[in-house]
Amino acid sequence: MSIISCPSCKKRISSKAKVCSHCNYSLVEGATEDGVTEEQLASRAKLARMKQRYSLQMQAMGGIILFLTGILLWYFLGNRGLSQVSHFIELGIAVIGGAWYLVTRIRLLMFKKTDLS
């Protein structure tokens, strides 16, 4: 038995260990040349897809917030007799937010469609 460096976290572990005690990296046979098993590769791919989907959902939420901000500004500040430029800015914010939301939702639907196929 000797002490080796983990291929993933580079910390010292036993050569007899099947899993790194620091980062849970698998050191079993049947792994690729990086020391990663097929199961770990599949898990990493699934995690990457989940992160991408979450990112798209948060972008859609940002579009909704921007849209609602523009509408609320237009509604509450529009009756105060402010300049016409402020109306264009308020409605512009709403239009940009709405377009951002729609484009992101289309991207999310396309992303989900690739998950099914």
C-alpha atoms as a PDB file:
ATOM      1  CA  MET A   1       0.000   0.000   0.000  1.00  0.00           C
ATOM      2  CA  SER A   2       1.270   3.450  -0.903  1.00  0.00           C
ATOM      3  CA  ILE A   3       0.065   7.021  -0.904  1.00  0.00           C
ATOM      4  CA  ILE A   4      -0.946   8.472  -4.288  1.00  0.00           C
ATOM      5  CA  SER A   5      -2.505  11.701  -5.510  1.00  0.00           C
ATOM      6  CA  CYS A   6      -6.155  11.688  -6.476  1.00  0.00           C
ATOM      7  CA  PRO A   7      -6.507  12.402 -10.230  1.00  0.00           C
ATOM      8  CA  SER A   8      -9.398  14.756  -9.536  1.00  0.00           C
ATOM      9  CA  CYS A   9      -8.531  16.838  -6.458  1.00  0.00           C
ATOM     10  CA  LYS A  10      -4.774  16.048  -6.226  1.00  0.00           C
ATOM     11  CA  LYS A  11      -5.007  15.294  -2.495  1.00  0.00           C
ATOM     12  CA  ARG A  12      -3.170  12.350  -0.989  1.00  0.00           C
ATOM     13  CA  ILE A  13      -5.060   9.064  -0.680  1.00  0.00           C
ATOM     14  CA  SER A  14      -4.296   5.375  -0.284  1.00  0.00           C
ATOM     15  CA  SER A  15      -3.535   3.380  -3.420  1.00  0.00           C
ATOM     16  CA  LYS A  16      -6.012   0.743  -2.175  1.00  0.00           C
ATOM     17  CA  ALA A  17      -8.923   3.209  -1.993  1.00  0.00           C
ATOM     18  CA  LYS A  18     -11.745   2.704  -4.465  1.00  0.00           C
ATOM     19  CA  VAL A  19     -13.123   6.203  -3.943  1.00  0.00           C
ATOM     20  CA  CYS A  20     -11.314   9.406  -2.974  1.00  0.00           C
ATOM     21  CA  SER A  21     -12.329  10.346   0.574  1.00  0.00           C
ATOM     22  CA  HIS A  22     -12.026  14.061  -0.271  1.00  0.00           C
ATOM     23  CA  CYS A  23     -13.971  14.423  -3.533  1.00  0.00           C
ATOM     24  CA  ASN A  24     -15.695  11.002  -3.966  1.00  0.00           C
ATOM     25  CA  TYR A  25     -13.810  10.417  -7.212  1.00  0.00           C
ATOM     26  CA  SER A  26     -14.070   6.762  -8.307  1.00  0.00           C
ATOM     27  CA  LEU A  27     -10.788   4.927  -8.766  1.00  0.00           C
ATOM     28  CA  VAL A  28     -12.299   1.582  -9.864  1.00  0.00           C
ATOM     29  CA  GLU A  29     -11.373  -0.483 -12.904  1.00  0.00           C
ATOM     30  CA  GLY A  30     -13.379   0.036 -16.046  1.00  0.00           C
ATOM     31  CA  ALA A  31     -12.759   3.736 -15.917  1.00  0.00           C
ATOM     32  CA  THR A  32     -11.525   5.772 -18.841  1.00  0.00           C
ATOM     33  CA  GLU A  33      -7.952   6.987 -19.037  1.00  0.00           C
ATOM     34  CA  ASP A  34      -8.957   9.976 -16.879  1.00  0.00           C
ATOM     35  CA  GLY A  35     -10.131   7.594 -14.159  1.00  0.00           C
ATOM     36  CA  VAL A  36     -13.785   8.395 -14.813  1.00  0.00           C
ATOM     37  CA  THR A  37     -16.356   5.632 -15.168  1.00  0.00           C
ATOM     38  CA  GLU A  38     -19.166   5.652 -17.718  1.00  0.00           C
ATOM     39  CA  GLU A  39     -21.636   6.178 -14.876  1.00  0.00           C
ATOM     40  CA  GLN A  40     -19.737   9.285 -13.747  1.00  0.00           C
ATOM     41  CA  LEU A  41     -19.676  10.627 -17.312  1.00  0.00           C
ATOM     42  CA  ALA A  42     -23.426  10.126 -17.622  1.00  0.00           C
ATOM     43  CA  SER A  43     -23.966  11.799 -14.252  1.00  0.00           C
ATOM     44  CA  ARG A  44     -21.833  14.781 -15.271  1.00  0.00           C
ATOM     45  CA  ALA A  45     -23.715  15.118 -18.567  1.00  0.00           C
ATOM     46  CA  LYS A  46     -27.048  15.007 -16.744  1.00  0.00           C
ATOM     47  CA  LEU A  47     -25.870  17.644 -14.273  1.00  0.00           C
ATOM     48  CA  ALA A  48     -24.692  19.896 -17.117  1.00  0.00           C
ATOM     49  CA  ARG A  49     -28.115  19.599 -18.811  1.00  0.00           C
ATOM     50  CA  MET A  50     -29.869  20.445 -15.548  1.00  0.00           C
ATOM     51  CA  LYS A  51     -27.678  23.528 -15.092  1.00  0.00           C
ATOM     52  CA  GLN A  52     -28.378  24.668 -18.646  1.00  0.00           C
ATOM     53  CA  ARG A  53     -32.124  24.206 -18.172  1.00  0.00           C
ATOM     54  CA  TYR A  54     -32.021  26.125 -14.881  1.00  0.00           C
ATOM     55  CA  SER A  55     -30.105  28.935 -16.583  1.00  0.00           C
ATOM     56  CA  LEU A  56     -32.750  29.204 -19.301  1.00  0.00           C
ATOM     57  CA  GLN A  57     -35.512  29.245 -16.694  1.00  0.00           C
ATOM     58  CA  MET A  58     -33.796  32.059 -14.798  1.00  0.00           C
ATOM     59  CA  GLN A  59     -33.368  34.032 -18.030  1.00  0.00           C
ATOM     60  CA  ALA A  60     -37.105  33.662 -18.686  1.00  0.00           C
ATOM     61  CA  MET A  61     -37.795  34.897 -15.165  1.00  0.00           C
ATOM     62  CA  GLY A  62     -35.596  37.939 -15.848  1.00  0.00           C
ATOM     63  CA  GLY A  63     -37.664  38.695 -18.941  1.00  0.00           C
ATOM     64  CA  ILE A  64     -40.886  38.489 -16.945  1.00  0.00           C
ATOM     65  CA  ILE A  65     -39.517  40.808 -14.264  1.00  0.00           C
ATOM     66  CA  LEU A  66     -38.361  43.334 -16.864  1.00  0.00           C
ATOM     67  CA  PHE A  67     -41.751  43.177 -18.613  1.00  0.00           C
ATOM     68  CA  LEU A  68     -43.674  43.690 -15.376  1.00  0.00           C
ATOM     69  CA  THR A  69     -41.362  46.520 -14.322  1.00  0.00           C
ATOM     70  CA  GLY A  70     -42.059  48.365 -17.568  1.00  0.00           C
ATOM     71  CA  ILE A  71     -45.812  47.853 -17.271  1.00  0.00           C
ATOM     72  CA  LEU A  72     -45.907  48.963 -13.640  1.00  0.00           C
ATOM     73  CA  LEU A  73     -43.815  52.057 -14.364  1.00  0.00           C
ATOM     74  CA  TRP A  74     -46.093  52.908 -17.277  1.00  0.00           C
ATOM     75  CA  TYR A  75     -49.215  52.368 -15.172  1.00  0.00           C
ATOM     76  CA  PHE A  76     -48.149  54.249 -12.060  1.00  0.00           C
ATOM     77  CA  LEU A  77     -46.015  56.996 -13.599  1.00  0.00           C
ATOM     78  CA  GLY A  78     -48.012  57.455 -16.791  1.00  0.00           C
ATOM     79  CA  ASN A  79     -50.821  59.333 -15.040  1.00  0.00           C
ATOM     80  CA  ARG A  80     -48.536  61.968 -13.533  1.00  0.00           C
ATOM     81  CA  GLY A  81     -48.149  64.004 -16.704  1.00  0.00           C
ATOM     82  CA  LEU A  82     -44.514  63.155 -17.262  1.00  0.00           C
ATOM     83  CA  SER A  83     -42.878  63.758 -20.606  1.00  0.00           C
ATOM     84  CA  GLN A  84     -43.643  61.616 -23.591  1.00  0.00           C
ATOM     85  CA  VAL A  85     -40.072  60.312 -23.572  1.00  0.00           C
ATOM     86  CA  SER A  86     -40.669  58.598 -20.243  1.00  0.00           C
ATOM     87  CA  HIS A  87     -43.687  56.796 -21.745  1.00  0.00           C
ATOM     88  CA  PHE A  88     -41.496  55.465 -24.556  1.00  0.00           C
ATOM     89  CA  ILE A  89     -38.875  54.338 -22.059  1.00  0.00           C
ATOM     90  CA  GLU A  90     -41.439  52.599 -19.862  1.00  0.00           C
ATOM     91  CA  LEU A  91     -43.110  50.845 -22.771  1.00  0.00           C
ATOM     92  CA  GLY A  92     -39.692  50.076 -24.284  1.00  0.00           C
ATOM     93  CA  ILE A  93     -38.692  48.293 -21.085  1.00  0.00           C
ATOM     94  CA  ALA A  94     -41.917  46.275 -21.238  1.00  0.00           C
ATOM     95  CA  VAL A  95     -41.427  45.384 -24.920  1.00  0.00           C
ATOM     96  CA  ILE A  96     -37.792  44.351 -24.387  1.00  0.00           C
ATOM     97  CA  GLY A  97     -38.760  42.245 -21.353  1.00  0.00           C
ATOM     98  CA  GLY A  98     -41.609  40.583 -23.235  1.00  0.00           C
ATOM     99  CA  ALA A  99     -39.435  39.818 -26.251  1.00  0.00           C
ATOM    100  CA  TRP A 100     -36.670  38.490 -23.992  1.00  0.00           C
ATOM    101  CA  TYR A 101     -39.183  36.221 -22.264  1.00  0.00           C
ATOM    102  CA  LEU A 102     -40.632  34.887 -25.532  1.00  0.00           C
ATOM    103  CA  VAL A 103     -37.227  34.194 -27.079  1.00  0.00           C
ATOM    104  CA  THR A 104     -36.054  32.439 -23.925  1.00  0.00           C
ATOM    105  CA  ARG A 105     -39.222  30.325 -23.763  1.00  0.00           C
ATOM    106  CA  ILE A 106     -38.690  29.242 -27.373  1.00  0.00           C
ATOM    107  CA  ARG A 107     -35.090  28.329 -26.526  1.00  0.00           C
ATOM    108  CA  LEU A 108     -36.339  26.375 -23.495  1.00  0.00           C
ATOM    109  CA  LEU A 109     -38.909  24.495 -25.592  1.00  0.00           C
ATOM    110  CA  MET A 110     -36.221  23.607 -28.151  1.00  0.00           C
ATOM    111  CA  PHE A 111     -33.961  22.472 -25.307  1.00  0.00           C
ATOM    112  CA  LYS A 112     -36.711  20.239 -23.889  1.00  0.00           C
ATOM    113  CA  LYS A 113     -37.408  18.826 -27.361  1.00  0.00           C
ATOM    114  CA  THR A 114     -33.767  17.700 -27.640  1.00  0.00           C
ATOM    115  CA  ASP A 115     -34.134  15.991 -24.245  1.00  0.00           C
ATOM    116  CA  LEU A 116     -37.010  13.897 -25.544  1.00  0.00           C
ATOM    117  CA  SER A 117     -35.257  12.743 -28.679  1.00  0.00           C
END
